[in-house]
N, C-alpha and C. Protein backbone atom coordinates (compact mmCIF):
# COMPACT_ATOMS: atom_id res chain seq x y z
N MET A 1 0.99 -0.81 0.01
CA MET A 1 0.13 -0.11 0.20
C MET A 1 1.15 1.02 0.31
N SER A 2 2.08 1.09 0.63
CA SER A 2 2.87 2.01 1.08
C SER A 2 3.69 2.78 -0.65
N VAL A 3 3.92 1.32 -1.52
CA VAL A 3 4.17 1.65 -2.45
C VAL A 3 3.09 2.16 -3.83
N VAL A 4 2.04 1.99 -3.54
CA VAL A 4 0.93 2.83 -4.41
C VAL A 4 0.95 4.10 -4.19
N ARG A 5 0.93 4.41 -2.88
CA ARG A 5 0.91 5.69 -1.99
C ARG A 5 2.33 6.68 -2.91
N ASP A 6 3.15 5.81 -2.89
CA ASP A 6 4.31 6.47 -3.63
C ASP A 6 4.23 7.50 -4.64
N VAL A 7 4.12 5.76 -5.59
CA VAL A 7 3.95 5.88 -6.80
C VAL A 7 2.75 7.29 -7.28
N ILE A 8 1.70 7.33 -6.45
CA ILE A 8 0.40 8.16 -6.77
C ILE A 8 1.18 9.83 -6.45
N THR A 9 1.90 9.65 -5.43
CA THR A 9 2.55 11.10 -4.74
C THR A 9 3.49 11.44 -5.77
N ALA A 10 4.42 10.19 -6.70
CA ALA A 10 5.61 11.10 -7.70
C ALA A 10 5.11 11.45 -8.55
N VAL A 11 3.81 11.18 -9.02
CA VAL A 11 2.71 11.23 -10.86
C VAL A 11 2.32 12.53 -10.13
N LEU A 12 1.82 13.12 -9.01
CA LEU A 12 1.14 14.07 -9.00
C LEU A 12 2.13 15.16 -8.62
N LEU A 13 3.21 14.78 -7.78
CA LEU A 13 3.91 16.00 -7.89
C LEU A 13 4.59 16.15 -9.10
N SER A 14 5.28 15.52 -9.64
CA SER A 14 5.73 15.39 -10.94
C SER A 14 5.02 16.82 -11.87
N ALA A 15 3.76 16.24 -11.91
CA ALA A 15 2.30 16.73 -13.09
C ALA A 15 2.44 18.25 -12.48
N GLY A 16 2.20 18.55 -11.00
CA GLY A 16 2.42 19.92 -10.43
C GLY A 16 3.49 20.82 -10.97
N ALA A 17 4.54 20.08 -10.80
CA ALA A 17 5.85 20.84 -11.03
C ALA A 17 5.81 21.29 -12.25
N LEU A 18 5.62 19.99 -13.41
CA LEU A 18 5.58 20.58 -15.02
C LEU A 18 4.25 21.35 -14.92
N PHE A 19 3.03 21.48 -14.31
CA PHE A 19 2.54 22.66 -15.18
C PHE A 19 3.03 24.04 -14.68
N CYS A 20 3.89 24.25 -13.47
CA CYS A 20 4.44 25.22 -12.82
C CYS A 20 5.39 25.39 -13.30
N LEU A 21 6.33 24.90 -13.84
CA LEU A 21 7.10 25.08 -15.68
C LEU A 21 6.85 25.88 -16.26
N LEU A 22 5.93 25.14 -16.76
CA LEU A 22 4.98 25.65 -18.28
C LEU A 22 4.76 27.46 -17.87
N GLY A 23 3.60 26.99 -16.66
CA GLY A 23 3.36 28.46 -16.39
C GLY A 23 4.44 29.42 -16.05
N ALA A 24 5.42 29.17 -16.09
CA ALA A 24 6.75 29.98 -15.99
C ALA A 24 7.42 30.27 -17.22
N LEU A 25 7.40 29.20 -17.88
CA LEU A 25 7.79 29.39 -19.29
C LEU A 25 7.15 30.25 -20.36
N GLY A 26 5.35 29.95 -19.89
CA GLY A 26 4.44 30.67 -20.71
C GLY A 26 4.64 32.45 -20.15
N LEU A 27 4.98 32.84 -18.91
CA LEU A 27 5.34 34.19 -18.62
C LEU A 27 6.26 34.66 -19.52
N LEU A 28 7.44 33.84 -20.00
CA LEU A 28 9.01 34.09 -20.23
C LEU A 28 8.19 34.51 -21.91
N ARG A 29 7.68 33.63 -22.50
CA ARG A 29 7.67 33.45 -23.65
C ARG A 29 6.45 34.19 -24.88
N PHE A 30 5.23 34.32 -23.87
CA PHE A 30 4.17 34.87 -24.51
C PHE A 30 4.39 36.36 -24.69
N PRO A 31 3.74 37.13 -25.86
CA PRO A 31 3.87 38.38 -26.14
C PRO A 31 3.33 39.25 -25.94
N ASP A 32 1.98 39.46 -24.85
CA ASP A 32 1.73 40.36 -24.36
C ASP A 32 1.00 40.03 -23.03
N THR A 33 0.06 40.78 -22.82
CA THR A 33 -0.04 40.74 -21.07
C THR A 33 -0.88 39.67 -20.98
N ILE A 34 -1.90 39.64 -21.99
CA ILE A 34 -3.48 38.83 -21.50
C ILE A 34 -2.62 37.28 -21.79
N SER A 35 -1.59 37.39 -22.74
CA SER A 35 -1.42 35.64 -22.69
C SER A 35 -0.41 35.51 -21.83
N ARG A 36 0.22 36.07 -21.03
CA ARG A 36 1.10 35.99 -20.13
C ARG A 36 0.05 35.67 -18.61
N LEU A 37 -1.01 36.64 -18.44
CA LEU A 37 -1.97 36.30 -17.46
C LEU A 37 -2.66 35.00 -17.59
N HIS A 38 -2.99 34.73 -18.60
CA HIS A 38 -3.77 33.29 -19.10
C HIS A 38 -2.43 32.14 -18.60
N ALA A 39 -1.27 32.17 -18.96
CA ALA A 39 -0.67 31.20 -18.56
C ALA A 39 -0.19 30.65 -17.13
N ALA A 40 0.05 32.18 -16.22
CA ALA A 40 0.34 32.25 -15.22
C ALA A 40 -1.16 31.77 -14.26
N ALA A 41 -2.27 31.99 -14.26
CA ALA A 41 -3.43 32.06 -13.87
C ALA A 41 -3.62 30.39 -14.23
N LYS A 42 -4.07 29.81 -15.20
CA LYS A 42 -4.46 28.56 -15.40
C LYS A 42 -3.65 27.48 -14.82
N ALA A 43 -1.94 27.62 -15.88
CA ALA A 43 -1.31 26.62 -15.43
C ALA A 43 -0.56 26.84 -14.02
N GLN A 44 -0.23 27.50 -13.46
CA GLN A 44 0.13 27.82 -12.00
C GLN A 44 -0.94 27.19 -10.86
N THR A 45 -2.01 27.37 -11.32
CA THR A 45 -3.25 27.20 -10.62
C THR A 45 -3.44 25.52 -10.25
N LEU A 46 -3.73 24.95 -11.58
CA LEU A 46 -3.60 23.64 -11.75
C LEU A 46 -2.01 23.14 -11.33
N GLY A 47 -1.16 23.95 -11.59
CA GLY A 47 0.10 23.06 -10.49
C GLY A 47 0.18 22.96 -8.96
N VAL A 48 -0.08 23.99 -8.98
CA VAL A 48 -0.09 24.27 -7.36
C VAL A 48 -1.37 23.25 -6.60
N LEU A 49 -2.54 23.01 -7.38
CA LEU A 49 -3.31 22.39 -6.94
C LEU A 49 -3.03 20.64 -7.02
N LEU A 50 -2.31 20.02 -8.14
CA LEU A 50 -1.79 19.02 -8.02
C LEU A 50 -0.55 18.72 -7.06
N ILE A 51 0.09 19.69 -6.72
CA ILE A 51 1.15 19.37 -5.71
C ILE A 51 0.38 19.34 -4.39
N LEU A 52 -0.70 20.31 -4.46
CA LEU A 52 -1.56 19.73 -2.77
C LEU A 52 -2.41 18.54 -2.70
N VAL A 53 -2.60 18.01 -3.54
CA VAL A 53 -3.02 16.60 -3.97
C VAL A 53 -2.17 15.70 -3.57
N GLY A 54 -0.80 15.47 -4.23
CA GLY A 54 0.10 15.28 -4.00
C GLY A 54 0.79 14.93 -2.90
N ALA A 55 0.85 16.27 -2.15
CA ALA A 55 1.08 16.26 -0.37
C ALA A 55 -0.11 15.53 0.08
N ALA A 56 -1.32 15.87 -0.02
CA ALA A 56 -2.42 15.07 0.65
C ALA A 56 -2.52 13.34 1.01
N VAL A 57 -2.10 13.25 -0.22
CA VAL A 57 -2.14 11.64 -0.07
C VAL A 57 -0.96 11.22 0.69
N GLN A 58 0.45 11.75 1.02
CA GLN A 58 1.35 11.32 1.75
C GLN A 58 1.15 12.16 3.41
N MET A 59 0.11 12.69 3.70
CA MET A 59 0.19 13.26 4.90
C MET A 59 -1.36 12.43 5.53
N SER A 60 -1.38 12.62 6.83
CA SER A 60 -2.68 12.09 7.74
C SER A 60 -4.09 13.15 7.34
N PRO A 61 -4.96 12.28 7.68
CA PRO A 61 -5.96 13.21 7.58
C PRO A 61 -6.56 14.28 8.07
N ARG A 62 -5.49 14.49 9.02
CA ARG A 62 -5.91 15.69 9.89
C ARG A 62 -5.12 17.23 9.70
N HIS A 63 -4.65 16.49 8.38
CA HIS A 63 -3.79 18.12 7.58
C HIS A 63 -4.77 18.25 6.80
N ALA A 64 -6.15 17.67 6.37
CA ALA A 64 -6.43 17.84 5.16
C ALA A 64 -7.30 19.21 4.97
N PRO A 65 -7.84 19.85 6.28
CA PRO A 65 -8.32 20.82 6.41
C PRO A 65 -7.68 22.29 6.31
N VAL A 66 -6.03 21.85 6.33
CA VAL A 66 -4.91 23.39 5.73
C VAL A 66 -4.78 22.83 4.48
N LEU A 67 -4.57 21.62 4.14
CA LEU A 67 -4.47 21.90 2.26
C LEU A 67 -5.56 22.46 1.60
N VAL A 68 -6.95 22.26 2.43
CA VAL A 68 -7.66 22.49 1.55
C VAL A 68 -8.40 24.03 1.15
N LEU A 69 -7.95 24.53 2.44
CA LEU A 69 -8.08 26.17 2.80
C LEU A 69 -6.86 27.17 1.71
N VAL A 70 -5.69 26.22 1.55
CA VAL A 70 -4.84 26.98 0.68
C VAL A 70 -5.34 26.53 -0.51
N ALA A 71 -5.78 25.37 -1.06
CA ALA A 71 -6.74 25.32 -2.17
C ALA A 71 -7.38 26.17 -2.64
N LEU A 72 -8.34 26.29 -1.60
CA LEU A 72 -9.59 27.10 -1.95
C LEU A 72 -8.98 28.82 -2.10
N PHE A 73 -7.79 28.98 -1.26
CA PHE A 73 -7.28 30.23 -1.48
C PHE A 73 -6.79 30.40 -3.01
N GLN A 74 -5.77 29.74 -3.44
CA GLN A 74 -5.97 29.68 -4.76
C GLN A 74 -6.66 29.81 -5.94
N LEU A 75 -7.58 29.34 -5.88
CA LEU A 75 -8.82 29.20 -6.50
C LEU A 75 -9.60 30.68 -6.87
N PHE A 76 -9.48 31.43 -5.29
CA PHE A 76 -10.56 32.11 -5.35
C PHE A 76 -9.87 33.67 -5.87
N THR A 77 -8.31 33.73 -5.13
CA THR A 77 -7.74 35.07 -5.58
C THR A 77 -6.78 34.67 -6.87
N VAL A 78 -6.36 33.58 -7.51
CA VAL A 78 -5.84 34.12 -8.60
C VAL A 78 -6.98 34.67 -9.61
N PRO A 79 -7.86 34.38 -9.82
CA PRO A 79 -9.10 35.08 -10.90
C PRO A 79 -9.15 36.18 -10.61
N ILE A 80 -9.30 36.79 -9.28
CA ILE A 80 -9.81 37.79 -9.28
C ILE A 80 -8.42 39.04 -9.24
N THR A 81 -7.23 38.26 -8.97
CA THR A 81 -6.21 38.82 -9.57
C THR A 81 -5.81 39.21 -10.58
N SER A 82 -5.68 38.34 -11.55
CA SER A 82 -5.78 38.12 -13.16
C SER A 82 -6.74 39.08 -13.92
N GLN A 83 -7.87 39.40 -13.15
CA GLN A 83 -9.05 40.14 -13.86
C GLN A 83 -8.59 41.87 -13.45
N ILE A 84 -7.95 42.15 -12.00
CA ILE A 84 -7.24 43.32 -11.87
C ILE A 84 -6.30 43.45 -12.64
N ILE A 85 -5.49 42.72 -12.78
CA ILE A 85 -4.53 43.04 -13.76
C ILE A 85 -4.43 43.17 -15.02
N ALA A 86 -5.54 42.32 -15.61
CA ALA A 86 -5.72 42.59 -17.05
C ALA A 86 -6.34 43.71 -16.97
N ARG A 87 -7.34 44.58 -16.29
CA ARG A 87 -8.19 45.43 -16.70
C ARG A 87 -7.52 47.13 -16.14
N THR A 88 -6.16 46.84 -15.30
CA THR A 88 -5.02 47.64 -15.61
C THR A 88 -4.48 47.72 -16.90
N ALA A 89 -4.16 46.61 -17.22
CA ALA A 89 -3.14 46.45 -18.44
C ALA A 89 -3.80 47.13 -19.79
N TYR A 90 -5.27 46.86 -19.56
CA TYR A 90 -5.72 47.32 -20.51
C TYR A 90 -5.98 49.02 -20.59
N ARG A 91 -6.14 49.27 -19.39
CA ARG A 91 -6.19 50.83 -19.35
C ARG A 91 -5.03 51.31 -19.70
N THR A 92 -4.12 50.66 -19.14
CA THR A 92 -2.43 51.97 -19.14
C THR A 92 -2.50 51.31 -20.27
N HIS A 93 -2.80 50.83 -21.38
CA HIS A 93 -2.55 50.26 -23.47
C HIS A 93 -1.13 49.69 -22.74
N GLY A 94 -1.29 48.84 -21.92
CA GLY A 94 -0.48 47.13 -22.12
C GLY A 94 -1.13 46.25 -22.52
N VAL A 95 -1.46 46.30 -23.53
CA VAL A 95 -2.59 44.96 -23.96
C VAL A 95 -2.50 45.69 -25.94
N ASP A 96 -2.15 44.88 -26.58
CA ASP A 96 -2.51 45.46 -27.58
C ASP A 96 -3.54 45.01 -28.65
N ARG A 97 -4.35 45.97 -28.25
CA ARG A 97 -5.91 45.68 -28.94
C ARG A 97 -6.11 45.26 -30.18
N ASP A 98 -5.00 45.25 -31.25
CA ASP A 98 -5.59 44.43 -32.67
C ASP A 98 -5.01 43.43 -32.62
N ARG A 99 -4.57 42.46 -31.40
CA ARG A 99 -4.56 41.28 -31.72
C ARG A 99 -5.84 40.71 -30.69
N LEU A 100 -6.65 41.46 -30.52
CA LEU A 100 -7.98 41.13 -29.84
C LEU A 100 -9.05 40.81 -30.69
N LEU A 101 -9.38 40.04 -30.78
CA LEU A 101 -10.49 38.84 -31.60
C LEU A 101 -11.98 39.81 -31.43
N ARG A 102 -12.26 40.15 -30.06
CA ARG A 102 -13.30 40.99 -29.57
C ARG A 102 -13.06 41.62 -28.65
N ASP A 103 -13.32 43.12 -28.31
CA ASP A 103 -13.16 43.93 -27.42
C ASP A 103 -14.39 44.40 -26.43
N GLU A 104 -14.83 43.30 -25.87
CA GLU A 104 -16.04 43.84 -25.01
C GLU A 104 -15.61 44.66 -23.75
N LEU A 105 -14.43 44.94 -23.69
CA LEU A 105 -14.44 45.83 -22.45
C LEU A 105 -14.63 47.65 -22.94
N ALA A 106 -14.17 47.52 -24.19
CA ALA A 106 -13.95 48.82 -25.02
C ALA A 106 -15.76 49.23 -24.99
N ASP A 107 -16.28 48.53 -25.70
CA ASP A 107 -18.07 48.39 -25.84
C ASP A 107 -18.34 48.95 -24.37
N ARG A 108 -18.03 48.13 -23.65
CA ARG A 108 -18.34 48.32 -21.73
C ARG A 108 -18.12 50.03 -21.36
N LEU A 109 -16.75 50.26 -21.67
CA LEU A 109 -16.33 51.60 -20.75
C LEU A 109 -16.73 52.68 -21.72
N ALA A 110 -16.87 52.32 -23.29
CA ALA A 110 -17.69 53.71 -24.31
C ALA A 110 -19.09 53.85 -23.66
N ARG A 111 -19.62 52.97 -23.26
CA ARG A 111 -21.20 52.99 -22.45
C ARG A 111 -21.18 53.67 -21.61
N ASP A 112 -20.75 53.35 -20.49
CA ASP A 112 -20.16 53.59 -19.14
C ASP A 112 -19.70 55.26 -19.00
N GLY A 113 -19.02 55.56 -20.43
CA GLY A 113 -18.58 57.00 -20.29
C GLY A 113 -17.03 56.83 -19.78
N THR A 114 -16.26 56.09 -19.74
CA THR A 114 -15.25 56.18 -19.30
C THR A 114 -14.56 55.95 -20.12
N PRO A 115 -12.94 56.75 -20.43
CA PRO A 115 -12.77 56.84 -21.63
C PRO A 115 -11.80 55.73 -21.74
N VAL A 116 -11.01 55.30 -22.52
CA VAL A 116 -9.61 54.56 -22.58
C VAL A 116 -8.54 54.90 -22.95
N ASP A 117 -8.86 56.29 -24.01
CA ASP A 117 -7.26 56.71 -24.05
C ASP A 117 -6.51 57.40 -22.89
N GLY A 118 -5.33 57.69 -23.11
CA GLY A 118 -4.79 58.65 -22.34
C GLY A 118 -5.02 60.08 -22.37
N GLN A 119 -5.45 60.37 -23.20
CA GLN A 119 -5.65 62.36 -23.50
C GLN A 119 -7.19 62.48 -22.78
N ALA A 120 -7.81 61.22 -22.87
CA ALA A 120 -9.12 61.76 -22.12
C ALA A 120 -8.76 61.35 -20.44
N TYR A 121 -7.78 61.03 -20.19
CA TYR A 121 -7.72 60.57 -18.69
C TYR A 121 -6.88 62.48 -18.22
N ALA A 122 -6.24 63.01 -19.13
CA ALA A 122 -5.50 64.18 -19.18
C ALA A 122 -6.46 65.13 -18.96
N GLU A 123 -7.57 64.99 -19.64
CA GLU A 123 -8.38 66.07 -19.71
C GLU A 123 -9.62 65.91 -18.36
N ARG A 124 -9.89 64.35 -18.51
CA ARG A 124 -10.41 64.74 -16.85
C ARG A 124 -9.93 65.28 -15.70
N ASP A 125 -8.48 65.06 -15.55
CA ASP A 125 -7.60 65.20 -14.58
C ASP A 125 -7.43 66.87 -14.27
N ASP A 126 -7.85 67.69 -15.72
CA ASP A 126 -7.50 68.87 -15.66
C ASP A 126 -8.66 69.55 -15.29
N ASP A 127 -9.92 68.68 -15.71
CA ASP A 127 -11.54 69.15 -15.18
C ASP A 127 -11.34 68.99 -13.70
N ALA A 128 -10.70 68.33 -13.29
CA ALA A 128 -10.86 67.82 -11.75
C ALA A 128 -9.87 69.34 -11.01
N GLU A 129 -8.71 69.75 -11.65
CA GLU A 129 -8.08 70.73 -10.86
C GLU A 129 -8.59 71.90 -10.72
N ARG A 130 -9.56 72.21 -11.62
CA ARG A 130 -10.36 73.87 -11.52
C ARG A 130 -11.69 73.54 -11.26
């Protein structure tokens, strides 16, 4: 039974490490912010979850709540953080909008009256100082 647990743990930890490595390579190789965020959020989260499951196989059941909390923390914080970073990059011209297939955020910002270009931000700041 111990050999089976060791094999399962080795497979899960190796797969988790591979996904973490692929996420890191995606951060280095992908050309723009949106692609990099996708690599970081998806691959890294899956890698961490696989590592946590691999660790859970070897640990006693009394440590399971801690691992579940770490997994839930990852699942809740990574998408929110990625969304915030992507919107910030979009508004500060860190995203190549020509590469987007569909730009839903521009339509929403235009509908809400929020300018996207830097010139409009400067004009709004000048109005606020007056």
